[in-house]
């Protein structure tokens, strides 16, 4: 499944084959245990997402909640999307170095860590990455990026 039509996390999980449901549920538990205050879990873009709700910050460029992480079951792999580790070069470098040190095979895209089996994913590192940015920090980075982008257009 590339993009689900599920309206709730429960519906999404029920759509998955048993092995993937177990893996996604385990990663979900790690994310929820490490999710900073001010973020919520829900469904956006056909994935389980973790975001600042629009009631707290409605001024997003696309009218969608501002996300920090997401989970998805794609056709050939599963993925955890960690938007915050790609926001700053130092954070990206930290994550890559720590991931490499685990000895696990690293399969990273532009904003995701792909995995085929749960054993391929360093769960402690995923938890650390989710926990490292507060709601305030994410909002600050977002506003700075939008301001810079608007200045560049002028």
C-alpha atoms as a PDB file:
ATOM      1  CA  UNK A   1       0.000   0.000   0.000  1.00  0.00           C
ATOM      2  CA  UNK A   2       1.506   3.313  -1.006  1.00  0.00           C
ATOM      3  CA  UNK A   3      -1.166   5.630   0.355  1.00  0.00           C
ATOM      4  CA  UNK A   4      -4.015   4.480   2.542  1.00  0.00           C
ATOM      5  CA  UNK A   5      -7.539   5.880   2.581  1.00  0.00           C
ATOM      6  CA  UNK A   6      -7.870   4.940   6.270  1.00  0.00           C
ATOM      7  CA  UNK A   7      -9.313   7.710   8.434  1.00  0.00           C
ATOM      8  CA  UNK A   8      -7.894   6.414  11.729  1.00  0.00           C
ATOM      9  CA  UNK A   9      -4.696   4.749  12.893  1.00  0.00           C
ATOM     10  CA  UNK A  10      -6.712   1.686  13.917  1.00  0.00           C
ATOM     11  CA  UNK A  11      -8.155   1.372  10.400  1.00  0.00           C
ATOM     12  CA  UNK A  12      -4.685   1.781   8.903  1.00  0.00           C
ATOM     13  CA  UNK A  13      -3.197  -0.948  11.082  1.00  0.00           C
ATOM     14  CA  UNK A  14      -6.075  -3.331  10.256  1.00  0.00           C
ATOM     15  CA  UNK A  15      -5.277  -2.962   6.526  1.00  0.00           C
ATOM     16  CA  UNK A  16      -1.732  -4.252   6.981  1.00  0.00           C
ATOM     17  CA  UNK A  17      -0.579  -7.855   6.679  1.00  0.00           C
ATOM     18  CA  UNK A  18       0.170  -9.351  10.131  1.00  0.00           C
ATOM     19  CA  UNK A  19       3.988  -9.108   9.920  1.00  0.00           C
ATOM     20  CA  UNK A  20       3.899  -5.464   8.836  1.00  0.00           C
ATOM     21  CA  UNK A  21       1.220  -4.632  11.404  1.00  0.00           C
ATOM     22  CA  UNK A  22       3.494  -5.953  14.166  1.00  0.00           C
ATOM     23  CA  UNK A  23       6.497  -4.009  12.873  1.00  0.00           C
ATOM     24  CA  UNK A  24       4.610  -0.727  12.353  1.00  0.00           C
ATOM     25  CA  UNK A  25       2.914  -1.127  15.755  1.00  0.00           C
ATOM     26  CA  UNK A  26       6.288  -1.593  17.451  1.00  0.00           C
ATOM     27  CA  UNK A  27       7.785   1.500  15.803  1.00  0.00           C
ATOM     28  CA  UNK A  28       4.594   3.404  16.616  1.00  0.00           C
ATOM     29  CA  UNK A  29       4.990   2.489  20.295  1.00  0.00           C
ATOM     30  CA  UNK A  30       8.582   3.809  20.288  1.00  0.00           C
ATOM     31  CA  UNK A  31       7.463   7.055  18.651  1.00  0.00           C
ATOM     32  CA  UNK A  32       4.584   7.551  21.095  1.00  0.00           C
ATOM     33  CA  UNK A  33       6.859   6.875  24.084  1.00  0.00           C
ATOM     34  CA  UNK A  34       9.293   9.559  22.856  1.00  0.00           C
ATOM     35  CA  UNK A  35       6.920  12.085  21.295  1.00  0.00           C
ATOM     36  CA  UNK A  36       7.397  15.521  22.878  1.00  0.00           C
ATOM     37  CA  UNK A  37       4.456  17.370  24.412  1.00  0.00           C
ATOM     38  CA  UNK A  38       2.309  19.332  21.989  1.00  0.00           C
ATOM     39  CA  UNK A  39       2.303  16.740  19.192  1.00  0.00           C
ATOM     40  CA  UNK A  40      -0.612  14.473  18.252  1.00  0.00           C
ATOM     41  CA  UNK A  41      -0.971  11.249  16.297  1.00  0.00           C
ATOM     42  CA  UNK A  42      -3.359  10.998  13.367  1.00  0.00           C
ATOM     43  CA  UNK A  43      -3.689  10.210   9.687  1.00  0.00           C
ATOM     44  CA  UNK A  44      -2.466  12.592   6.979  1.00  0.00           C
ATOM     45  CA  UNK A  45      -1.188  11.928   3.478  1.00  0.00           C
ATOM     46  CA  UNK A  46      -2.274   8.273   3.832  1.00  0.00           C
ATOM     47  CA  UNK A  47       0.176   7.604   6.687  1.00  0.00           C
ATOM     48  CA  UNK A  48       0.267   7.567  10.465  1.00  0.00           C
ATOM     49  CA  UNK A  49       1.626  11.000  11.291  1.00  0.00           C
ATOM     50  CA  UNK A  50       2.805  12.919  14.340  1.00  0.00           C
ATOM     51  CA  UNK A  51       2.180  16.625  14.149  1.00  0.00           C
ATOM     52  CA  UNK A  52       1.352  19.937  15.776  1.00  0.00           C
ATOM     53  CA  UNK A  53      -2.430  20.192  15.454  1.00  0.00           C
ATOM     54  CA  UNK A  54      -3.870  22.991  13.329  1.00  0.00           C
ATOM     55  CA  UNK A  55      -5.702  24.363  16.367  1.00  0.00           C
ATOM     56  CA  UNK A  56      -2.258  25.151  17.835  1.00  0.00           C
ATOM     57  CA  UNK A  57      -0.596  26.330  14.611  1.00  0.00           C
ATOM     58  CA  UNK A  58      -2.910  26.923  11.629  1.00  0.00           C
ATOM     59  CA  UNK A  59      -0.530  29.015   9.473  1.00  0.00           C
ATOM     60  CA  UNK A  60       1.048  26.191   7.463  1.00  0.00           C
ATOM     61  CA  UNK A  61       1.845  26.636   3.775  1.00  0.00           C
ATOM     62  CA  UNK A  62      -0.473  23.809   2.691  1.00  0.00           C
ATOM     63  CA  UNK A  63      -3.194  23.896   5.344  1.00  0.00           C
ATOM     64  CA  UNK A  64      -2.007  20.571   6.794  1.00  0.00           C
ATOM     65  CA  UNK A  65      -0.706  20.058  10.343  1.00  0.00           C
ATOM     66  CA  UNK A  66       3.034  20.618  10.764  1.00  0.00           C
ATOM     67  CA  UNK A  67       4.568  17.142  11.052  1.00  0.00           C
ATOM     68  CA  UNK A  68       7.591  15.860  12.889  1.00  0.00           C
ATOM     69  CA  UNK A  69       7.370  12.145  11.992  1.00  0.00           C
ATOM     70  CA  UNK A  70       5.299   9.580  10.106  1.00  0.00           C
ATOM     71  CA  UNK A  71       5.016   5.835   9.576  1.00  0.00           C
ATOM     72  CA  UNK A  72       4.028   4.077   6.382  1.00  0.00           C
ATOM     73  CA  UNK A  73       3.877   0.666   4.801  1.00  0.00           C
ATOM     74  CA  UNK A  74       5.006   1.096   1.206  1.00  0.00           C
ATOM     75  CA  UNK A  75       4.931  -1.493  -1.576  1.00  0.00           C
ATOM     76  CA  UNK A  76       8.434  -2.936  -1.046  1.00  0.00           C
ATOM     77  CA  UNK A  77       9.346  -1.644   2.423  1.00  0.00           C
ATOM     78  CA  UNK A  78       8.149   0.153   5.512  1.00  0.00           C
ATOM     79  CA  UNK A  79       9.323   3.649   6.345  1.00  0.00           C
ATOM     80  CA  UNK A  80       9.628   5.975   9.283  1.00  0.00           C
ATOM     81  CA  UNK A  81       9.757   9.609   8.231  1.00  0.00           C
ATOM     82  CA  UNK A  82      11.801  11.837  10.534  1.00  0.00           C
ATOM     83  CA  UNK A  83      11.377  15.366   9.278  1.00  0.00           C
ATOM     84  CA  UNK A  84      13.324  16.847  12.148  1.00  0.00           C
ATOM     85  CA  UNK A  85      16.601  15.074  11.354  1.00  0.00           C
ATOM     86  CA  UNK A  86      16.710  16.665   7.919  1.00  0.00           C
ATOM     87  CA  UNK A  87      16.083  20.207   9.120  1.00  0.00           C
ATOM     88  CA  UNK A  88      19.618  20.954  10.233  1.00  0.00           C
ATOM     89  CA  UNK A  89      22.868  19.591   8.753  1.00  0.00           C
ATOM     90  CA  UNK A  90      24.335  18.934  12.218  1.00  0.00           C
ATOM     91  CA  UNK A  91      21.317  16.826  13.179  1.00  0.00           C
ATOM     92  CA  UNK A  92      21.525  14.873   9.926  1.00  0.00           C
ATOM     93  CA  UNK A  93      25.227  14.193  10.531  1.00  0.00           C
ATOM     94  CA  UNK A  94      24.521  13.115  14.131  1.00  0.00           C
ATOM     95  CA  UNK A  95      21.796  10.709  13.004  1.00  0.00           C
ATOM     96  CA  UNK A  96      23.873   9.166  10.201  1.00  0.00           C
ATOM     97  CA  UNK A  97      26.880   8.663  12.500  1.00  0.00           C
ATOM     98  CA  UNK A  98      24.753   7.099  15.234  1.00  0.00           C
ATOM     99  CA  UNK A  99      22.928   4.883  12.727  1.00  0.00           C
ATOM    100  CA  UNK A 100      26.205   3.676  11.229  1.00  0.00           C
ATOM    101  CA  UNK A 101      27.484   2.820  14.725  1.00  0.00           C
ATOM    102  CA  UNK A 102      24.580   0.395  15.231  1.00  0.00           C
ATOM    103  CA  UNK A 103      25.961  -1.849  12.493  1.00  0.00           C
ATOM    104  CA  UNK A 104      22.519  -2.116  10.927  1.00  0.00           C
ATOM    105  CA  UNK A 105      22.103  -1.638   7.193  1.00  0.00           C
ATOM    106  CA  UNK A 106      21.223   1.991   6.551  1.00  0.00           C
ATOM    107  CA  UNK A 107      18.612   2.639   3.856  1.00  0.00           C
ATOM    108  CA  UNK A 108      17.777   6.314   3.990  1.00  0.00           C
ATOM    109  CA  UNK A 109      15.863   8.497   1.552  1.00  0.00           C
ATOM    110  CA  UNK A 110      15.296  12.250   1.533  1.00  0.00           C
ATOM    111  CA  UNK A 111      13.225  12.229   4.697  1.00  0.00           C
ATOM    112  CA  UNK A 112      12.734   8.582   5.521  1.00  0.00           C
ATOM    113  CA  UNK A 113      14.441   5.541   6.943  1.00  0.00           C
ATOM    114  CA  UNK A 114      13.343   2.465   5.010  1.00  0.00           C
ATOM    115  CA  UNK A 115      13.255  -1.005   6.543  1.00  0.00           C
ATOM    116  CA  UNK A 116      12.019  -4.405   5.441  1.00  0.00           C
ATOM    117  CA  UNK A 117      12.058  -6.095   8.866  1.00  0.00           C
ATOM    118  CA  UNK A 118      11.822  -4.613  12.336  1.00  0.00           C
ATOM    119  CA  UNK A 119      15.263  -6.024  13.164  1.00  0.00           C
ATOM    120  CA  UNK A 120      16.737  -3.714  10.490  1.00  0.00           C
ATOM    121  CA  UNK A 121      15.743  -0.593  12.425  1.00  0.00           C
ATOM    122  CA  UNK A 122      17.651   0.855  15.430  1.00  0.00           C
ATOM    123  CA  UNK A 123      14.597   1.550  17.587  1.00  0.00           C
ATOM    124  CA  UNK A 124      16.499   3.382  20.343  1.00  0.00           C
ATOM    125  CA  UNK A 125      17.901   5.814  17.785  1.00  0.00           C
ATOM    126  CA  UNK A 126      14.462   6.371  16.265  1.00  0.00           C
ATOM    127  CA  UNK A 127      13.171   7.219  19.734  1.00  0.00           C
ATOM    128  CA  UNK A 128      16.038   9.647  20.344  1.00  0.00           C
ATOM    129  CA  UNK A 129      15.461  11.363  17.009  1.00  0.00           C
ATOM    130  CA  UNK A 130      11.749  11.813  17.723  1.00  0.00           C
ATOM    131  CA  UNK A 131      12.417  13.144  21.235  1.00  0.00           C
ATOM    132  CA  UNK A 132      15.048  15.698  20.270  1.00  0.00           C
ATOM    133  CA  UNK A 133      12.817  18.487  18.949  1.00  0.00           C
ATOM    134  CA  UNK A 134      10.205  20.212  21.031  1.00  0.00           C
ATOM    135  CA  UNK A 135       7.084  21.765  19.577  1.00  0.00           C
ATOM    136  CA  UNK A 136       8.673  25.186  20.086  1.00  0.00           C
ATOM    137  CA  UNK A 137      11.879  24.164  18.285  1.00  0.00           C
ATOM    138  CA  UNK A 138       9.964  22.783  15.296  1.00  0.00           C
ATOM    139  CA  UNK A 139       7.851  25.937  15.072  1.00  0.00           C
ATOM    140  CA  UNK A 140      10.980  28.107  15.234  1.00  0.00           C
ATOM    141  CA  UNK A 141      12.657  26.147  12.423  1.00  0.00           C
ATOM    142  CA  UNK A 142       9.473  26.266  10.329  1.00  0.00           C
ATOM    143  CA  UNK A 143       8.962  30.018  10.739  1.00  0.00           C
ATOM    144  CA  UNK A 144      12.668  30.675  10.003  1.00  0.00           C
ATOM    145  CA  UNK A 145      12.509  28.550   6.842  1.00  0.00           C
ATOM    146  CA  UNK A 146       9.302  30.222   5.627  1.00  0.00           C
ATOM    147  CA  UNK A 147      10.686  33.699   6.338  1.00  0.00           C
ATOM    148  CA  UNK A 148      13.911  32.902   4.457  1.00  0.00           C
ATOM    149  CA  UNK A 149      11.924  31.493   1.546  1.00  0.00           C
ATOM    150  CA  UNK A 150       9.700  34.556   1.334  1.00  0.00           C
ATOM    151  CA  UNK A 151      12.744  36.878   1.428  1.00  0.00           C
ATOM    152  CA  UNK A 152      14.365  34.898  -1.393  1.00  0.00           C
ATOM    153  CA  UNK A 153      11.287  35.379  -3.606  1.00  0.00           C
ATOM    154  CA  UNK A 154      11.509  39.180  -3.323  1.00  0.00           C
END
